[in-house]
Structure formats: structure tokens, C-alpha cells
Amino acid sequence: MDKETSAIEILVADASHEVYVDQILDTIREAAKKRGTGIAERTHEYVATKMKEGKAIIALDGNKFAGFSYIETWGNKHYVTTSGLIVHPDYQGLGVAKRIKDHTFTLARVRWPEAKIFSLTSGAAVMKMNTALGYVPVTFADLTDDESFWHGCEGCCNHDVLERTGRKYCICTGMLYDPEKHQGEPTSLEVFQKIMKTVVLRGLV
């Protein structure tokens, strides 16, 4: 199926995008089954709330769902994660994941500029995108100690590994972006200006 990448719009999600939540969750589950990896299960209400709070990015081809990711804050906003990155199978291989990742990362940097941004992932593609943005591999001890974050791992099929090792490691790799160690903005000026405009217009700062 041929797609025009330029026709796919990347947006900061809002309440109007709740109509896509069930499709987003189904796509995440199917992708996890295909990979044979675990996921932190999220509810319709949880994802819809992220949209309403301006903590999610959605990719749309007209009115068709193309991709999604959301942001979570931990440890009194000292840590941020960009999570749940998914691209609909019809739009894979078009660079949509990278565009979504750039937008979620920039949204996190704009809204919480002093926060450390971290990722737990078992996917090579996500690791590659993280590395390009300045993330580095770290031990789990370098991540948030917020119990709410680790509670989210309980829905993963690999949770027993995490528990057996006393949260020292798991199937996923921990990666961290520390703004004190990385100067400048890794994403393009165009993405930064777009996110900044949206954040200001919606009063998210």
C-alpha cells in the first residue's frame, strides 16, 4: 500500500482524538503479540486522559489512525518517559515512528525542560532512535524510584524477571537523556517551533 509520508500529520493529541483510543490499544496489543514481548497494559480512560492533558502525540492520515505515543511524569516531574510508541501496520516503514518520537521527545523537553527523560525498551528500532536523540544506556538504578512507574510493569509478561533480580535488570534496556549533560535541541527547529506553538496556545506551560 503506497502512502504519501507528507500527508501524515503529527499532532499533540487532545480530547477530540479519544475516538482513536480503542484502535490504539488494540494496535499496541497486537504488536506485542507479534514481537512476543510484554507491555504495560493501559486502559481506555488512561490513554484518553493523556490526550486531554496534552501528554500524547498522534499521527493521522486524514482521519485514519497512523501512530501514537504518550508521555508520563514521575518523581514529582523530575523524570519523564515517552511511552507506548506504536505505528499502525499500514504505515510502517515510512519513518512515522521517528517523527512521532521526535515530537514526544520535544514535547517533553518543552514542558519539563529540567527533567531527565528515560526509556525502557526491548526494541532495536527504539534504541536506535533514542541514541540519535542523546540517550545513553544506564542501569535501572539510574531511573526513577517512583513506585507508580514500576507498578506499571506488573502487566508485562516478563515482570517475574524484574522481580527476581530485585529491579536490577530485565528484558528491557534502560536508556536515559540527562539535559544537564546534553546541550542544544536534538530535534529540528521546525518540530520545536510547532510544539512550542501548540503548548502555548493550549496553555500547557
N, C-alpha and C. Protein backbone atom coordinates (compact mmCIF):
# COMPACT_ATOMS: atom_id res chain seq x y z
N MET A 1 0.85 -1.19 0.00
CA MET A 1 0.00 0.00 0.00
C MET A 1 0.89 1.25 0.00
N ASP A 2 0.79 2.04 -1.04
CA ASP A 2 1.60 3.24 -1.14
C ASP A 2 0.99 4.36 -0.31
N LYS A 3 1.81 5.05 0.41
CA LYS A 3 1.37 6.17 1.23
C LYS A 3 2.27 7.36 0.97
N GLU A 4 1.68 8.54 1.03
CA GLU A 4 2.46 9.76 0.96
C GLU A 4 2.82 10.17 2.38
N THR A 5 4.09 10.06 2.71
CA THR A 5 4.52 10.38 4.07
C THR A 5 4.14 11.80 4.46
N SER A 6 4.23 12.74 3.52
CA SER A 6 3.93 14.14 3.81
C SER A 6 2.47 14.36 4.20
N ALA A 7 1.60 13.41 3.83
CA ALA A 7 0.17 13.55 4.14
C ALA A 7 -0.13 13.14 5.58
N ILE A 8 0.82 12.50 6.23
CA ILE A 8 0.61 12.05 7.61
C ILE A 8 0.98 13.19 8.55
N GLU A 9 -0.01 13.65 9.30
CA GLU A 9 0.19 14.79 10.19
C GLU A 9 0.48 14.30 11.61
N ILE A 10 1.45 14.90 12.25
CA ILE A 10 1.82 14.57 13.63
C ILE A 10 1.33 15.70 14.53
N LEU A 11 0.49 15.36 15.50
CA LEU A 11 -0.19 16.36 16.32
C LEU A 11 -0.05 16.06 17.81
N VAL A 12 -0.11 17.11 18.63
CA VAL A 12 -0.30 16.92 20.06
C VAL A 12 -1.77 16.58 20.25
N ALA A 13 -2.05 15.39 20.75
CA ALA A 13 -3.43 14.93 20.86
C ALA A 13 -4.22 15.77 21.86
N ASP A 14 -5.55 15.81 21.64
CA ASP A 14 -6.46 16.47 22.58
C ASP A 14 -7.70 15.60 22.73
N ALA A 15 -8.72 16.13 23.41
CA ALA A 15 -9.92 15.35 23.71
C ALA A 15 -10.63 14.85 22.46
N SER A 16 -10.51 15.57 21.37
CA SER A 16 -11.20 15.17 20.13
C SER A 16 -10.65 13.87 19.55
N HIS A 17 -9.47 13.46 20.00
CA HIS A 17 -8.84 12.26 19.46
C HIS A 17 -9.18 11.00 20.26
N GLU A 18 -10.05 11.13 21.26
CA GLU A 18 -10.42 9.95 22.07
C GLU A 18 -11.05 8.86 21.21
N VAL A 19 -11.63 9.22 20.08
CA VAL A 19 -12.28 8.23 19.20
C VAL A 19 -11.28 7.18 18.69
N TYR A 20 -9.99 7.48 18.79
CA TYR A 20 -8.96 6.55 18.30
C TYR A 20 -8.40 5.65 19.40
N VAL A 21 -8.79 5.86 20.65
CA VAL A 21 -8.14 5.17 21.76
C VAL A 21 -8.23 3.66 21.66
N ASP A 22 -9.41 3.12 21.40
CA ASP A 22 -9.54 1.66 21.35
C ASP A 22 -8.71 1.07 20.22
N GLN A 23 -8.63 1.75 19.09
CA GLN A 23 -7.81 1.27 17.99
C GLN A 23 -6.33 1.32 18.36
N ILE A 24 -5.94 2.37 19.08
CA ILE A 24 -4.55 2.49 19.54
C ILE A 24 -4.20 1.32 20.45
N LEU A 25 -5.05 1.04 21.43
CA LEU A 25 -4.78 -0.04 22.39
C LEU A 25 -4.74 -1.40 21.70
N ASP A 26 -5.65 -1.62 20.76
CA ASP A 26 -5.65 -2.88 20.01
C ASP A 26 -4.37 -3.04 19.19
N THR A 27 -3.91 -1.95 18.59
CA THR A 27 -2.69 -1.99 17.77
C THR A 27 -1.47 -2.28 18.63
N ILE A 28 -1.42 -1.70 19.83
CA ILE A 28 -0.31 -1.96 20.76
C ILE A 28 -0.30 -3.42 21.18
N ARG A 29 -1.47 -3.97 21.51
CA ARG A 29 -1.55 -5.37 21.94
C ARG A 29 -1.13 -6.32 20.82
N GLU A 30 -1.60 -6.07 19.62
CA GLU A 30 -1.27 -6.94 18.50
C GLU A 30 0.23 -6.90 18.20
N ALA A 31 0.83 -5.72 18.31
CA ALA A 31 2.26 -5.59 18.06
C ALA A 31 3.06 -6.36 19.11
N ALA A 32 2.61 -6.32 20.37
CA ALA A 32 3.30 -7.03 21.44
C ALA A 32 3.21 -8.55 21.22
N LYS A 33 2.04 -9.01 20.78
CA LYS A 33 1.88 -10.45 20.50
C LYS A 33 2.82 -10.88 19.37
N LYS A 34 2.91 -10.06 18.35
CA LYS A 34 3.75 -10.38 17.20
C LYS A 34 5.22 -10.45 17.59
N ARG A 35 5.65 -9.52 18.47
CA ARG A 35 7.05 -9.49 18.91
C ARG A 35 7.33 -10.55 19.98
N GLY A 36 6.28 -10.99 20.67
CA GLY A 36 6.46 -11.92 21.77
C GLY A 36 7.04 -11.25 22.99
N THR A 37 6.76 -9.95 23.14
CA THR A 37 7.26 -9.19 24.28
C THR A 37 6.11 -8.69 25.14
N GLY A 38 6.43 -8.22 26.31
CA GLY A 38 5.42 -7.72 27.22
C GLY A 38 5.09 -6.26 26.99
N ILE A 39 3.98 -5.82 27.59
CA ILE A 39 3.59 -4.42 27.56
C ILE A 39 3.03 -4.03 28.92
N ALA A 40 3.12 -2.75 29.22
CA ALA A 40 2.44 -2.22 30.40
C ALA A 40 1.01 -1.89 29.95
N GLU A 41 0.07 -2.69 30.38
CA GLU A 41 -1.31 -2.55 29.92
C GLU A 41 -1.91 -1.23 30.38
N ARG A 42 -2.55 -0.51 29.45
CA ARG A 42 -3.20 0.76 29.76
C ARG A 42 -4.69 0.67 29.40
N THR A 43 -5.50 1.41 30.14
CA THR A 43 -6.94 1.41 29.90
C THR A 43 -7.33 2.52 28.94
N HIS A 44 -8.57 2.44 28.45
CA HIS A 44 -9.11 3.48 27.58
C HIS A 44 -9.07 4.82 28.31
N GLU A 45 -9.50 4.83 29.56
CA GLU A 45 -9.54 6.08 30.33
C GLU A 45 -8.14 6.67 30.52
N TYR A 46 -7.16 5.81 30.76
CA TYR A 46 -5.79 6.29 30.97
C TYR A 46 -5.27 7.02 29.74
N VAL A 47 -5.41 6.39 28.57
CA VAL A 47 -4.91 7.00 27.34
C VAL A 47 -5.70 8.25 26.98
N ALA A 48 -7.03 8.21 27.19
CA ALA A 48 -7.87 9.38 26.90
C ALA A 48 -7.46 10.56 27.77
N THR A 49 -7.10 10.28 29.02
CA THR A 49 -6.66 11.34 29.93
C THR A 49 -5.35 11.96 29.46
N LYS A 50 -4.43 11.13 28.95
CA LYS A 50 -3.18 11.65 28.42
C LYS A 50 -3.45 12.62 27.27
N MET A 51 -4.41 12.29 26.43
CA MET A 51 -4.77 13.17 25.32
C MET A 51 -5.30 14.50 25.84
N LYS A 52 -6.21 14.44 26.80
CA LYS A 52 -6.83 15.65 27.34
C LYS A 52 -5.82 16.54 28.05
N GLU A 53 -4.79 15.92 28.64
CA GLU A 53 -3.75 16.66 29.35
C GLU A 53 -2.65 17.18 28.44
N GLY A 54 -2.73 16.89 27.14
CA GLY A 54 -1.68 17.31 26.22
C GLY A 54 -0.39 16.56 26.43
N LYS A 55 -0.51 15.28 26.81
CA LYS A 55 0.66 14.44 27.06
C LYS A 55 0.72 13.27 26.07
N ALA A 56 0.24 13.50 24.85
CA ALA A 56 0.25 12.43 23.85
C ALA A 56 0.44 13.03 22.46
N ILE A 57 1.03 12.23 21.60
CA ILE A 57 1.23 12.60 20.20
C ILE A 57 0.51 11.57 19.34
N ILE A 58 -0.25 12.04 18.36
CA ILE A 58 -0.96 11.14 17.46
C ILE A 58 -0.59 11.48 16.01
N ALA A 59 -0.48 10.44 15.19
CA ALA A 59 -0.21 10.60 13.76
C ALA A 59 -1.47 10.21 13.00
N LEU A 60 -1.92 11.09 12.11
CA LEU A 60 -3.14 10.86 11.36
C LEU A 60 -2.91 11.05 9.87
N ASP A 61 -3.51 10.18 9.09
CA ASP A 61 -3.54 10.32 7.63
C ASP A 61 -4.99 10.68 7.30
N GLY A 62 -5.27 11.98 7.26
CA GLY A 62 -6.67 12.42 7.18
C GLY A 62 -7.35 12.06 8.49
N ASN A 63 -8.35 11.18 8.43
CA ASN A 63 -9.00 10.73 9.66
C ASN A 63 -8.63 9.29 10.02
N LYS A 64 -7.56 8.78 9.40
CA LYS A 64 -7.12 7.42 9.67
C LYS A 64 -5.96 7.44 10.67
N PHE A 65 -6.06 6.57 11.66
CA PHE A 65 -5.01 6.44 12.67
C PHE A 65 -3.75 5.85 12.06
N ALA A 66 -2.61 6.53 12.27
CA ALA A 66 -1.34 6.06 11.74
C ALA A 66 -0.32 5.72 12.82
N GLY A 67 -0.38 6.40 13.96
CA GLY A 67 0.59 6.13 15.02
C GLY A 67 0.31 6.93 16.27
N PHE A 68 1.03 6.59 17.36
CA PHE A 68 0.73 7.20 18.66
C PHE A 68 1.89 6.99 19.63
N SER A 69 1.98 7.89 20.61
CA SER A 69 2.85 7.73 21.76
C SER A 69 2.37 8.69 22.84
N TYR A 70 2.72 8.42 24.10
CA TYR A 70 2.29 9.30 25.19
C TYR A 70 3.43 9.55 26.17
N ILE A 71 3.21 10.55 27.02
CA ILE A 71 4.22 10.97 27.99
C ILE A 71 3.72 10.72 29.41
N GLU A 72 4.62 10.28 30.26
CA GLU A 72 4.31 10.12 31.68
C GLU A 72 5.38 10.85 32.49
N THR A 73 4.99 11.41 33.62
CA THR A 73 5.93 12.08 34.51
C THR A 73 6.01 11.31 35.82
N TRP A 74 7.23 11.28 36.39
CA TRP A 74 7.46 10.50 37.60
C TRP A 74 8.34 11.30 38.57
N GLY A 75 8.31 10.90 39.84
CA GLY A 75 9.18 11.51 40.83
C GLY A 75 9.02 13.01 40.90
N ASN A 76 7.75 13.47 41.02
CA ASN A 76 7.47 14.91 41.10
C ASN A 76 8.01 15.65 39.88
N LYS A 77 7.85 15.01 38.69
CA LYS A 77 8.23 15.58 37.39
C LYS A 77 9.74 15.73 37.21
N HIS A 78 10.53 15.03 38.02
CA HIS A 78 11.97 15.04 37.83
C HIS A 78 12.39 14.06 36.73
N TYR A 79 11.50 13.11 36.43
CA TYR A 79 11.72 12.13 35.38
C TYR A 79 10.52 12.10 34.45
N VAL A 80 10.79 11.87 33.17
CA VAL A 80 9.74 11.79 32.16
C VAL A 80 10.01 10.57 31.28
N THR A 81 8.95 9.88 30.89
CA THR A 81 9.09 8.82 29.89
C THR A 81 8.20 9.13 28.70
N THR A 82 8.66 8.77 27.52
CA THR A 82 7.82 8.78 26.33
C THR A 82 7.54 7.32 26.03
N SER A 83 6.27 6.93 26.10
CA SER A 83 5.91 5.52 26.12
C SER A 83 4.89 5.16 25.05
N GLY A 84 4.66 3.86 24.92
CA GLY A 84 3.60 3.35 24.07
C GLY A 84 3.73 3.69 22.60
N LEU A 85 4.97 3.85 22.11
CA LEU A 85 5.15 4.21 20.70
C LEU A 85 4.65 3.08 19.80
N ILE A 86 3.71 3.39 18.93
CA ILE A 86 3.14 2.40 18.04
C ILE A 86 2.82 3.03 16.68
N VAL A 87 3.04 2.27 15.62
CA VAL A 87 2.67 2.70 14.28
C VAL A 87 1.76 1.62 13.69
N HIS A 88 0.64 2.05 13.13
CA HIS A 88 -0.29 1.11 12.52
C HIS A 88 0.42 0.35 11.39
N PRO A 89 0.16 -0.95 11.25
CA PRO A 89 0.84 -1.75 10.21
C PRO A 89 0.78 -1.15 8.81
N ASP A 90 -0.31 -0.45 8.48
CA ASP A 90 -0.44 0.14 7.14
C ASP A 90 0.56 1.27 6.90
N TYR A 91 1.18 1.79 7.99
CA TYR A 91 2.05 2.96 7.85
C TYR A 91 3.48 2.69 8.31
N GLN A 92 3.81 1.44 8.51
CA GLN A 92 5.17 1.10 8.92
C GLN A 92 6.14 1.21 7.74
N GLY A 93 7.38 1.52 8.05
CA GLY A 93 8.40 1.65 7.02
C GLY A 93 8.42 2.99 6.32
N LEU A 94 7.69 3.97 6.87
CA LEU A 94 7.62 5.30 6.25
C LEU A 94 8.28 6.39 7.10
N GLY A 95 8.92 5.97 8.17
CA GLY A 95 9.56 6.96 9.05
C GLY A 95 8.61 7.61 10.03
N VAL A 96 7.40 7.07 10.17
CA VAL A 96 6.40 7.65 11.07
C VAL A 96 6.85 7.55 12.53
N ALA A 97 7.43 6.41 12.91
CA ALA A 97 7.88 6.21 14.29
C ALA A 97 8.90 7.28 14.69
N LYS A 98 9.85 7.55 13.80
CA LYS A 98 10.87 8.57 14.10
C LYS A 98 10.23 9.95 14.26
N ARG A 99 9.27 10.28 13.42
CA ARG A 99 8.60 11.57 13.52
C ARG A 99 7.82 11.69 14.84
N ILE A 100 7.15 10.61 15.23
CA ILE A 100 6.41 10.61 16.49
C ILE A 100 7.39 10.76 17.65
N LYS A 101 8.49 10.00 17.61
CA LYS A 101 9.48 10.05 18.68
C LYS A 101 10.06 11.46 18.81
N ASP A 102 10.37 12.10 17.71
CA ASP A 102 10.89 13.47 17.75
C ASP A 102 9.89 14.42 18.41
N HIS A 103 8.60 14.22 18.12
CA HIS A 103 7.57 15.10 18.68
C HIS A 103 7.34 14.85 20.18
N THR A 104 7.31 13.57 20.59
CA THR A 104 7.11 13.30 22.02
C THR A 104 8.31 13.79 22.82
N PHE A 105 9.50 13.56 22.28
CA PHE A 105 10.72 14.00 22.96
C PHE A 105 10.73 15.52 23.10
N THR A 106 10.40 16.22 22.04
CA THR A 106 10.39 17.69 22.08
C THR A 106 9.30 18.21 22.99
N LEU A 107 8.13 17.57 22.97
CA LEU A 107 7.04 17.97 23.88
C LEU A 107 7.49 17.83 25.33
N ALA A 108 8.17 16.74 25.64
CA ALA A 108 8.69 16.54 27.00
C ALA A 108 9.72 17.60 27.35
N ARG A 109 10.62 17.93 26.42
CA ARG A 109 11.66 18.92 26.68
C ARG A 109 11.07 20.32 26.89
N VAL A 110 10.01 20.64 26.12
CA VAL A 110 9.38 21.96 26.24
C VAL A 110 8.62 22.08 27.56
N ARG A 111 7.88 21.04 27.92
CA ARG A 111 7.03 21.12 29.12
C ARG A 111 7.82 20.91 30.41
N TRP A 112 8.85 20.06 30.38
CA TRP A 112 9.63 19.77 31.58
C TRP A 112 11.12 19.84 31.22
N PRO A 113 11.64 21.04 30.96
CA PRO A 113 13.00 21.20 30.43
C PRO A 113 14.10 20.70 31.35
N GLU A 114 13.86 20.59 32.64
CA GLU A 114 14.91 20.15 33.56
C GLU A 114 14.80 18.67 33.89
N ALA A 115 13.76 18.01 33.41
CA ALA A 115 13.55 16.60 33.73
C ALA A 115 14.47 15.69 32.94
N LYS A 116 14.84 14.57 33.55
CA LYS A 116 15.56 13.52 32.85
C LYS A 116 14.53 12.67 32.11
N ILE A 117 14.82 12.35 30.86
CA ILE A 117 13.89 11.56 30.05
C ILE A 117 14.46 10.16 29.91
N PHE A 118 13.66 9.16 30.28
CA PHE A 118 14.18 7.81 30.20
C PHE A 118 13.25 6.87 29.45
N SER A 119 13.80 5.73 29.10
CA SER A 119 13.08 4.76 28.29
C SER A 119 13.46 3.36 28.72
N LEU A 120 12.47 2.47 28.78
CA LEU A 120 12.72 1.04 28.94
C LEU A 120 12.21 0.39 27.67
N THR A 121 13.07 -0.24 26.93
CA THR A 121 12.65 -0.82 25.66
C THR A 121 13.42 -2.09 25.34
N SER A 122 12.76 -2.97 24.62
CA SER A 122 13.42 -4.18 24.13
C SER A 122 13.56 -4.14 22.61
N GLY A 123 13.14 -3.03 22.01
CA GLY A 123 13.14 -2.91 20.55
C GLY A 123 14.38 -2.22 20.02
N ALA A 124 15.04 -2.84 19.05
CA ALA A 124 16.26 -2.27 18.47
C ALA A 124 15.98 -0.94 17.78
N ALA A 125 14.82 -0.81 17.12
CA ALA A 125 14.49 0.43 16.41
C ALA A 125 14.36 1.60 17.38
N VAL A 126 13.71 1.35 18.53
CA VAL A 126 13.55 2.42 19.54
C VAL A 126 14.91 2.78 20.14
N MET A 127 15.74 1.78 20.39
CA MET A 127 17.08 2.05 20.91
C MET A 127 17.87 2.94 19.96
N LYS A 128 17.73 2.68 18.66
CA LYS A 128 18.44 3.47 17.66
C LYS A 128 17.94 4.91 17.67
N MET A 129 16.63 5.10 17.76
CA MET A 129 16.06 6.46 17.81
C MET A 129 16.49 7.18 19.08
N ASN A 130 16.47 6.46 20.20
CA ASN A 130 16.89 7.06 21.47
C ASN A 130 18.35 7.52 21.40
N THR A 131 19.19 6.67 20.86
CA THR A 131 20.62 7.00 20.76
C THR A 131 20.84 8.26 19.93
N ALA A 132 20.08 8.38 18.83
CA ALA A 132 20.21 9.56 17.97
C ALA A 132 19.81 10.84 18.69
N LEU A 133 18.94 10.71 19.69
CA LEU A 133 18.48 11.88 20.45
C LEU A 133 19.39 12.19 21.64
N GLY A 134 20.35 11.32 21.91
CA GLY A 134 21.28 11.58 23.00
C GLY A 134 21.10 10.72 24.23
N TYR A 135 20.16 9.77 24.19
CA TYR A 135 20.01 8.84 25.31
C TYR A 135 21.25 7.95 25.39
N VAL A 136 21.57 7.50 26.60
CA VAL A 136 22.65 6.54 26.78
C VAL A 136 22.13 5.38 27.63
N PRO A 137 22.66 4.17 27.43
CA PRO A 137 22.25 3.02 28.25
C PRO A 137 22.65 3.24 29.71
N VAL A 138 21.76 2.89 30.62
CA VAL A 138 22.03 3.05 32.05
C VAL A 138 21.49 1.83 32.81
N THR A 139 21.93 1.69 34.05
CA THR A 139 21.36 0.65 34.91
C THR A 139 20.01 1.13 35.41
N PHE A 140 19.20 0.20 35.86
CA PHE A 140 17.88 0.57 36.36
C PHE A 140 17.98 1.47 37.59
N ALA A 141 19.11 1.41 38.30
CA ALA A 141 19.31 2.25 39.48
C ALA A 141 19.36 3.73 39.11
N ASP A 142 19.66 4.03 37.83
CA ASP A 142 19.72 5.42 37.38
C ASP A 142 18.35 5.96 36.99
N LEU A 143 17.34 5.10 37.01
CA LEU A 143 16.00 5.52 36.63
C LEU A 143 15.21 5.92 37.88
N THR A 144 13.98 6.35 37.67
CA THR A 144 13.17 6.81 38.79
C THR A 144 12.92 5.69 39.80
N ASP A 145 12.82 6.07 41.08
CA ASP A 145 12.44 5.10 42.11
C ASP A 145 10.96 5.24 42.46
N ASP A 146 10.22 5.98 41.63
CA ASP A 146 8.79 6.18 41.83
C ASP A 146 8.07 4.83 41.70
N GLU A 147 7.42 4.41 42.79
CA GLU A 147 6.75 3.11 42.81
C GLU A 147 5.64 3.02 41.75
N SER A 148 5.03 4.15 41.42
CA SER A 148 3.95 4.15 40.43
C SER A 148 4.47 3.70 39.07
N PHE A 149 5.70 4.10 38.74
CA PHE A 149 6.27 3.67 37.47
C PHE A 149 6.46 2.16 37.44
N TRP A 150 7.10 1.63 38.46
CA TRP A 150 7.40 0.20 38.48
C TRP A 150 6.13 -0.64 38.60
N HIS A 151 5.10 -0.08 39.20
CA HIS A 151 3.81 -0.78 39.27
C HIS A 151 3.27 -1.02 37.86
N GLY A 152 3.56 -0.11 36.93
CA GLY A 152 3.10 -0.25 35.56
C GLY A 152 3.71 -1.44 34.85
N CYS A 153 4.84 -1.94 35.34
CA CYS A 153 5.49 -3.10 34.72
C CYS A 153 4.81 -4.42 35.09
N GLU A 154 3.89 -4.38 36.04
CA GLU A 154 3.28 -5.62 36.52
C GLU A 154 2.43 -6.30 35.45
N GLY A 155 1.98 -5.52 34.44
CA GLY A 155 1.18 -6.12 33.38
C GLY A 155 2.01 -6.78 32.30
N CYS A 156 3.32 -6.69 32.42
CA CYS A 156 4.23 -7.26 31.40
C CYS A 156 4.47 -8.75 31.68
N CYS A 157 4.56 -9.54 30.61
CA CYS A 157 4.78 -10.98 30.77
C CYS A 157 6.17 -11.28 31.32
N ASN A 158 7.08 -10.30 31.30
CA ASN A 158 8.44 -10.51 31.81
C ASN A 158 8.63 -9.94 33.22
N HIS A 159 7.53 -9.58 33.87
CA HIS A 159 7.62 -8.94 35.18
C HIS A 159 8.35 -9.81 36.20
N ASP A 160 8.22 -11.13 36.08
CA ASP A 160 8.88 -12.02 37.04
C ASP A 160 10.39 -11.88 36.99
N VAL A 161 10.93 -11.58 35.80
CA VAL A 161 12.37 -11.38 35.66
C VAL A 161 12.80 -10.15 36.46
N LEU A 162 12.02 -9.09 36.32
CA LEU A 162 12.31 -7.84 37.03
C LEU A 162 12.29 -8.07 38.54
N GLU A 163 11.29 -8.81 39.01
CA GLU A 163 11.16 -9.06 40.44
C GLU A 163 12.28 -9.97 40.96
N ARG A 164 12.61 -11.00 40.20
CA ARG A 164 13.65 -11.94 40.65
C ARG A 164 15.01 -11.27 40.78
N THR A 165 15.23 -10.24 39.99
CA THR A 165 16.54 -9.55 40.03
C THR A 165 16.52 -8.32 40.93
N GLY A 166 15.45 -8.16 41.69
CA GLY A 166 15.37 -7.00 42.60
C GLY A 166 15.39 -5.68 41.86
N ARG A 167 14.76 -5.67 40.65
CA ARG A 167 14.70 -4.48 39.79
C ARG A 167 16.06 -4.01 39.30
N LYS A 168 17.02 -4.91 39.26
CA LYS A 168 18.34 -4.53 38.76
C LYS A 168 18.42 -4.59 37.24
N TYR A 169 17.67 -5.52 36.65
CA TYR A 169 17.62 -5.59 35.19
C TYR A 169 16.42 -6.44 34.78
N CYS A 170 16.12 -6.40 33.49
CA CYS A 170 15.02 -7.19 32.93
C CYS A 170 15.31 -7.42 31.45
N ILE A 171 14.30 -7.80 30.69
CA ILE A 171 14.46 -7.99 29.25
C ILE A 171 14.72 -6.66 28.56
N CYS A 172 14.09 -5.60 29.09
CA CYS A 172 14.26 -4.27 28.51
C CYS A 172 15.62 -3.66 28.85
N THR A 173 16.03 -2.69 28.03
CA THR A 173 17.24 -1.91 28.28
C THR A 173 16.83 -0.52 28.77
N GLY A 174 17.45 -0.06 29.84
CA GLY A 174 17.20 1.28 30.34
C GLY A 174 18.06 2.29 29.59
N MET A 175 17.45 3.39 29.15
CA MET A 175 18.18 4.45 28.46
C MET A 175 17.76 5.79 29.03
N LEU A 176 18.70 6.72 29.13
CA LEU A 176 18.45 7.99 29.81
C LEU A 176 19.00 9.18 29.03
N TYR A 177 18.18 10.24 28.96
CA TYR A 177 18.62 11.53 28.42
C TYR A 177 18.66 12.51 29.59
N ASP A 178 19.85 13.02 29.90
CA ASP A 178 20.02 13.97 31.00
C ASP A 178 20.29 15.35 30.41
N PRO A 179 19.36 16.31 30.57
CA PRO A 179 19.53 17.63 29.96
C PRO A 179 20.77 18.38 30.45
N GLU A 180 21.26 18.03 31.64
CA GLU A 180 22.46 18.69 32.15
C GLU A 180 23.71 18.26 31.38
N LYS A 181 23.64 17.10 30.73
CA LYS A 181 24.80 16.58 30.02
C LYS A 181 24.70 16.76 28.52
N HIS A 182 23.54 17.21 28.03
CA HIS A 182 23.33 17.35 26.59
C HIS A 182 22.82 18.76 26.29
N GLN A 183 23.62 19.53 25.66
CA GLN A 183 23.26 20.91 25.33
C GLN A 183 22.60 20.97 23.95
N GLY A 184 21.70 21.93 23.78
CA GLY A 184 21.04 22.10 22.49
C GLY A 184 19.84 21.18 22.35
N GLU A 185 19.11 21.32 21.25
CA GLU A 185 17.93 20.52 21.00
C GLU A 185 18.22 19.51 19.89
N PRO A 186 18.10 18.22 20.17
CA PRO A 186 18.42 17.20 19.17
C PRO A 186 17.43 17.13 18.00
N THR A 187 16.22 17.63 18.20
CA THR A 187 15.24 17.59 17.11
C THR A 187 15.29 18.89 16.32
N SER A 188 14.60 18.90 15.19
CA SER A 188 14.69 20.04 14.28
C SER A 188 14.01 21.29 14.85
N LEU A 189 14.43 22.45 14.35
CA LEU A 189 13.82 23.71 14.75
C LEU A 189 12.34 23.74 14.38
N GLU A 190 12.00 23.13 13.25
CA GLU A 190 10.60 23.08 12.81
C GLU A 190 9.73 22.36 13.83
N VAL A 191 10.20 21.20 14.32
CA VAL A 191 9.44 20.45 15.31
C VAL A 191 9.35 21.24 16.61
N PHE A 192 10.46 21.83 17.02
CA PHE A 192 10.48 22.61 18.26
C PHE A 192 9.48 23.77 18.19
N GLN A 193 9.48 24.52 17.10
CA GLN A 193 8.57 25.66 16.96
C GLN A 193 7.11 25.21 16.93
N LYS A 194 6.86 24.09 16.26
CA LYS A 194 5.50 23.56 16.18
C LYS A 194 4.98 23.16 17.56
N ILE A 195 5.80 22.45 18.31
CA ILE A 195 5.41 22.02 19.65
C ILE A 195 5.24 23.21 20.57
N MET A 196 6.17 24.14 20.52
CA MET A 196 6.09 25.33 21.36
C MET A 196 4.79 26.11 21.10
N LYS A 197 4.45 26.27 19.83
CA LYS A 197 3.22 26.98 19.47
C LYS A 197 1.99 26.30 20.05
N THR A 198 1.93 24.98 19.92
CA THR A 198 0.80 24.21 20.44
C THR A 198 0.71 24.31 21.95
N VAL A 199 1.84 24.17 22.62
CA VAL A 199 1.88 24.22 24.07
C VAL A 199 1.39 25.58 24.58
N VAL A 200 1.84 26.65 23.94
CA VAL A 200 1.44 28.00 24.35
C VAL A 200 -0.05 28.23 24.09
N LEU A 201 -0.52 27.84 22.92
CA LEU A 201 -1.92 28.04 22.57
C LEU A 201 -2.87 27.29 23.50
N ARG A 202 -2.45 26.11 23.94
CA ARG A 202 -3.29 25.30 24.82
C ARG A 202 -3.04 25.55 26.30
N GLY A 203 -2.11 26.46 26.59
CA GLY A 203 -1.83 26.80 27.98
C GLY A 203 -1.25 25.65 28.78
N LEU A 204 -0.37 24.87 28.14
CA LEU A 204 0.19 23.69 28.79
C LEU A 204 1.45 23.98 29.56
N VAL A 205 1.88 25.25 29.59
CA VAL A 205 3.06 25.62 30.37
C VAL A 205 2.69 26.71 31.36
